Every structure is written in C-alpha cells, then in structure tokens.
C-alpha atoms as a PDB file:
ATOM      1  CA  MET A   1       3.187 -58.483  37.282  1.00  0.00           C
ATOM      2  CA  ASP A   2       6.695 -57.189  37.835  1.00  0.00           C
ATOM      3  CA  TRP A   3       8.710 -54.292  39.226  1.00  0.00           C
ATOM      4  CA  VAL A   4      10.853 -51.651  37.608  1.00  0.00           C
ATOM      5  CA  THR A   5      13.141 -50.302  40.321  1.00  0.00           C
ATOM      6  CA  GLY A   6      16.126 -48.010  40.522  1.00  0.00           C
ATOM      7  CA  LEU A   7      14.371 -45.121  38.811  1.00  0.00           C
ATOM      8  CA  VAL A   8      15.345 -41.527  39.501  1.00  0.00           C
ATOM      9  CA  PRO A   9      12.850 -40.283  42.133  1.00  0.00           C
ATOM     10  CA  GLY A  10      10.217 -37.980  40.712  1.00  0.00           C
ATOM     11  CA  GLY A  11       6.755 -36.531  41.091  1.00  0.00           C
ATOM     12  CA  LYS A  12       5.223 -35.058  44.208  1.00  0.00           C
ATOM     13  CA  GLU A  13       5.667 -38.346  46.043  1.00  0.00           C
ATOM     14  CA  ASN A  14       9.256 -38.981  44.862  1.00  0.00           C
ATOM     15  CA  TYR A  15       8.351 -42.352  43.353  1.00  0.00           C
ATOM     16  CA  ASN A  16      11.408 -44.469  42.562  1.00  0.00           C
ATOM     17  CA  ALA A  17       9.784 -47.635  41.227  1.00  0.00           C
ATOM     18  CA  CYS A  18       6.889 -48.797  39.114  1.00  0.00           C
ATOM     19  CA  LEU A  19       4.641 -51.851  39.413  1.00  0.00           C
ATOM     20  CA  ILE A  20       3.780 -53.038  35.906  1.00  0.00           C
ATOM     21  CA  ILE A  21       0.745 -55.226  35.416  1.00  0.00           C
ATOM     22  CA  VAL A  22      -0.147 -56.811  32.075  1.00  0.00           C
ATOM     23  CA  ASP A  23      -3.630 -58.193  31.433  1.00  0.00           C
ATOM     24  CA  ARG A  24      -3.053 -61.336  29.377  1.00  0.00           C
ATOM     25  CA  PHE A  25      -6.615 -61.287  28.015  1.00  0.00           C
ATOM     26  CA  SER A  26      -6.840 -57.689  26.755  1.00  0.00           C
ATOM     27  CA  LYS A  27      -3.054 -57.227  26.319  1.00  0.00           C
ATOM     28  CA  SER A  28      -3.364 -53.938  28.195  1.00  0.00           C
ATOM     29  CA  MET A  29      -0.716 -52.712  30.596  1.00  0.00           C
ATOM     30  CA  ARG A  30      -0.966 -50.656  33.783  1.00  0.00           C
ATOM     31  CA  CYS A  31       2.061 -48.869  35.200  1.00  0.00           C
ATOM     32  CA  LEU A  32       1.620 -47.883  38.829  1.00  0.00           C
ATOM     33  CA  PRO A  33       4.204 -45.498  40.309  1.00  0.00           C
ATOM     34  CA  CYS A  34       5.336 -46.541  43.777  1.00  0.00           C
ATOM     35  CA  HIS A  35       8.266 -46.699  46.178  1.00  0.00           C
ATOM     36  CA  LYS A  36      10.844 -49.474  46.048  1.00  0.00           C
ATOM     37  CA  GLU A  37      10.858 -49.473  49.838  1.00  0.00           C
ATOM     38  CA  GLY A  38       7.112 -50.248  49.975  1.00  0.00           C
ATOM     39  CA  THR A  39       5.872 -53.233  51.954  1.00  0.00           C
ATOM     40  CA  ALA A  40       3.688 -56.160  50.900  1.00  0.00           C
ATOM     41  CA  MET A  41       0.747 -54.236  52.400  1.00  0.00           C
ATOM     42  CA  ASP A  42       1.586 -51.221  50.207  1.00  0.00           C
ATOM     43  CA  THR A  43       1.706 -53.505  47.167  1.00  0.00           C
ATOM     44  CA  ALA A  44      -1.635 -55.087  48.040  1.00  0.00           C
ATOM     45  CA  LEU A  45      -3.248 -51.663  48.514  1.00  0.00           C
ATOM     46  CA  LEU A  46      -1.790 -50.448  45.228  1.00  0.00           C
ATOM     47  CA  PHE A  47      -3.178 -53.531  43.494  1.00  0.00           C
ATOM     48  CA  TRP A  48      -6.558 -53.229  45.227  1.00  0.00           C
ATOM     49  CA  ASN A  49      -7.023 -49.509  44.564  1.00  0.00           C
ATOM     50  CA  ASN A  50      -5.836 -49.523  40.954  1.00  0.00           C
ATOM     51  CA  ILE A  51      -6.656 -52.939  39.541  1.00  0.00           C
ATOM     52  CA  ILE A  52      -9.350 -54.739  41.509  1.00  0.00           C
ATOM     53  CA  SER A  53     -11.446 -51.593  41.989  1.00  0.00           C
ATOM     54  CA  THR A  54     -11.433 -50.827  38.247  1.00  0.00           C
ATOM     55  CA  CYS A  55     -11.001 -54.194  36.494  1.00  0.00           C
ATOM     56  CA  GLY A  56     -12.360 -56.724  38.982  1.00  0.00           C
ATOM     57  CA  VAL A  57     -10.728 -59.682  40.704  1.00  0.00           C
ATOM     58  CA  PRO A  58      -8.323 -61.642  38.496  1.00  0.00           C
ATOM     59  CA  LYS A  59      -8.553 -65.426  38.393  1.00  0.00           C
ATOM     60  CA  LEU A  60      -4.794 -65.830  37.952  1.00  0.00           C
ATOM     61  CA  ILE A  61      -1.780 -63.671  38.786  1.00  0.00           C
ATOM     62  CA  MET A  62       1.557 -64.594  37.264  1.00  0.00           C
ATOM     63  CA  SER A  63       4.683 -63.051  38.736  1.00  0.00           C
ATOM     64  CA  ASP A  64       8.217 -63.778  39.762  1.00  0.00           C
ATOM     65  CA  ARG A  65       8.970 -64.888  43.309  1.00  0.00           C
ATOM     66  CA  ASP A  66       9.395 -61.388  44.730  1.00  0.00           C
ATOM     67  CA  SER A  67       8.816 -61.408  48.491  1.00  0.00           C
ATOM     68  CA  LYS A  68       6.187 -58.666  48.116  1.00  0.00           C
ATOM     69  CA  PHE A  69       4.075 -61.057  46.023  1.00  0.00           C
ATOM     70  CA  THR A  70       4.710 -64.146  48.151  1.00  0.00           C
ATOM     71  CA  SER A  71       4.343 -62.675  51.639  1.00  0.00           C
ATOM     72  CA  GLU A  72       1.873 -64.232  54.039  1.00  0.00           C
ATOM     73  CA  PHE A  73      -0.296 -61.139  53.771  1.00  0.00           C
ATOM     74  CA  CYS A  74      -0.514 -61.332  49.977  1.00  0.00           C
ATOM     75  CA  THR A  75      -1.086 -65.085  49.877  1.00  0.00           C
ATOM     76  CA  ASN A  76      -3.936 -64.675  52.372  1.00  0.00           C
ATOM     77  CA  LEU A  77      -5.378 -61.896  50.213  1.00  0.00           C
ATOM     78  CA  TYR A  78      -5.204 -64.126  47.115  1.00  0.00           C
ATOM     79  CA  ASP A  79      -6.958 -66.898  49.057  1.00  0.00           C
ATOM     80  CA  MET A  80      -9.727 -64.518  50.156  1.00  0.00           C
ATOM     81  CA  LEU A  81     -10.239 -63.392  46.561  1.00  0.00           C
ATOM     82  CA  SER A  82     -10.008 -66.952  45.176  1.00  0.00           C
ATOM     83  CA  THR A  83      -7.144 -65.826  42.947  1.00  0.00           C
ATOM     84  CA  LYS A  84      -4.499 -68.350  41.943  1.00  0.00           C
ATOM     85  CA  LEU A  85      -0.871 -67.214  42.063  1.00  0.00           C
ATOM     86  CA  ALA A  86       1.481 -68.728  39.478  1.00  0.00           C
ATOM     87  CA  PHE A  87       5.219 -68.102  39.360  1.00  0.00           C
ATOM     88  CA  SER A  88       7.362 -67.708  36.292  1.00  0.00           C
ATOM     89  CA  THR A  89      10.389 -69.949  36.177  1.00  0.00           C
ATOM     90  CA  ALA A  90      13.599 -68.246  37.283  1.00  0.00           C
ATOM     91  CA  TYR A  91      15.869 -67.241  34.397  1.00  0.00           C
ATOM     92  CA  HIS A  92      13.247 -68.477  31.925  1.00  0.00           C
ATOM     93  CA  PRO A  93      11.318 -65.430  30.671  1.00  0.00           C
ATOM     94  CA  HIS A  94       9.458 -67.463  28.043  1.00  0.00           C
ATOM     95  CA  THR A  95       7.001 -68.614  30.709  1.00  0.00           C
ATOM     96  CA  ASP A  96       4.953 -65.521  29.922  1.00  0.00           C
ATOM     97  CA  GLY A  97       6.736 -64.130  26.878  1.00  0.00           C
ATOM     98  CA  LEU A  98       4.308 -61.404  25.795  1.00  0.00           C
ATOM     99  CA  ALA A  99       4.024 -59.890  29.266  1.00  0.00           C
ATOM    100  CA  GLU A 100       7.787 -60.106  29.798  1.00  0.00           C
ATOM    101  CA  ARG A 101       8.434 -58.326  26.497  1.00  0.00           C
ATOM    102  CA  MET A 102       5.893 -55.601  27.301  1.00  0.00           C
ATOM    103  CA  ILE A 103       7.427 -55.116  30.749  1.00  0.00           C
ATOM    104  CA  GLN A 104      10.950 -54.935  29.277  1.00  0.00           C
ATOM    105  CA  THR A 105       9.843 -52.333  26.730  1.00  0.00           C
ATOM    106  CA  MET A 106       8.143 -50.224  29.405  1.00  0.00           C
ATOM    107  CA  GLU A 107      11.217 -50.530  31.646  1.00  0.00           C
ATOM    108  CA  ASP A 108      13.401 -49.191  28.805  1.00  0.00           C
ATOM    109  CA  ILE A 109      11.017 -46.276  28.242  1.00  0.00           C
ATOM    110  CA  LEU A 110      10.852 -45.417  31.960  1.00  0.00           C
ATOM    111  CA  ARG A 111      14.619 -45.561  32.387  1.00  0.00           C
ATOM    112  CA  ARG A 112      15.218 -43.273  29.402  1.00  0.00           C
ATOM    113  CA  PHE A 113      12.514 -40.891  30.549  1.00  0.00           C
ATOM    114  CA  CYS A 114      14.016 -40.680  34.053  1.00  0.00           C
ATOM    115  CA  ALA A 115      17.602 -40.484  32.774  1.00  0.00           C
ATOM    116  CA  TYR A 116      16.840 -37.212  31.015  1.00  0.00           C
ATOM    117  CA  GLY A 117      15.352 -35.772  34.211  1.00  0.00           C
ATOM    118  CA  MET A 118      12.085 -34.926  32.527  1.00  0.00           C
ATOM    119  CA  GLU A 119       9.270 -33.545  34.610  1.00  0.00           C
ATOM    120  CA  TYR A 120       6.186 -35.687  34.719  1.00  0.00           C
ATOM    121  CA  LYS A 121       2.763 -35.535  36.283  1.00  0.00           C
ATOM    122  CA  ASP A 122       1.552 -37.897  38.985  1.00  0.00           C
ATOM    123  CA  HIS A 123      -0.599 -40.246  36.957  1.00  0.00           C
ATOM    124  CA  GLU A 124      -0.655 -43.817  35.828  1.00  0.00           C
ATOM    125  CA  GLY A 125      -0.865 -45.108  32.299  1.00  0.00           C
END
C-alpha cells in the first residue's frame, strides 16, 4: 500500500493523489483516487469502502511508515480487524519488490496521464 501524490487535480472531486493497493496473493492492483490532504480517517474509509467491503479483511498490510497508516486511529482499526501491519524498510524497496515495482509503474502511468491534461472519468481501476 502506497501513495502517489503531486498529481494534477482532476475529475469531479479534483483528486490530486492516488492510494495504490497491491494484493500479494492475486497480484492484482487497486488504484483509489483521493486527496493528498486527506486524514487518517479518510484513508481508513477509503480502504474500508473499496477493499474490505469487496475483498474481505486482509491478514497482513505492508506499507511504508506514512503517518496516515500509522496513526492511532488506523492502528486501532487494524487491531479490531485482527490485521497485522508490517513496514517496509526505509530506502530498501526490495522488502516487497513486486508490489513496489507495480506501484512505480502505475505512478509513471498516472503522472504521464495527468501531465497531458487528459480528461478522465471518476472511477477506480
């Protein structure tokens, strides 16, 4: 789970970031448009409404040490769901190489898409 930020705002909601989630089992990726300024509560709701409600509760979440993932609210949520939170090692992307590569590729695609000012629909992929 990681963020792509600094995107050109777009869509009806003027999203300027994207939460990217990679399922290590199925190798599938979900890209959830959001706002960089969102809170830990916004992140938890985004995760709940788009991942838990459709895929179920994960046993393990691996992410960097972003404050939105490590906030007291989120850690309490993980405890309630019996989900373990694991952190990748700083400056060591090989901790979860496949997910990191998928996220980097999607970040490149999103940045190019936004750089050309293309219109896009409000949907997730």
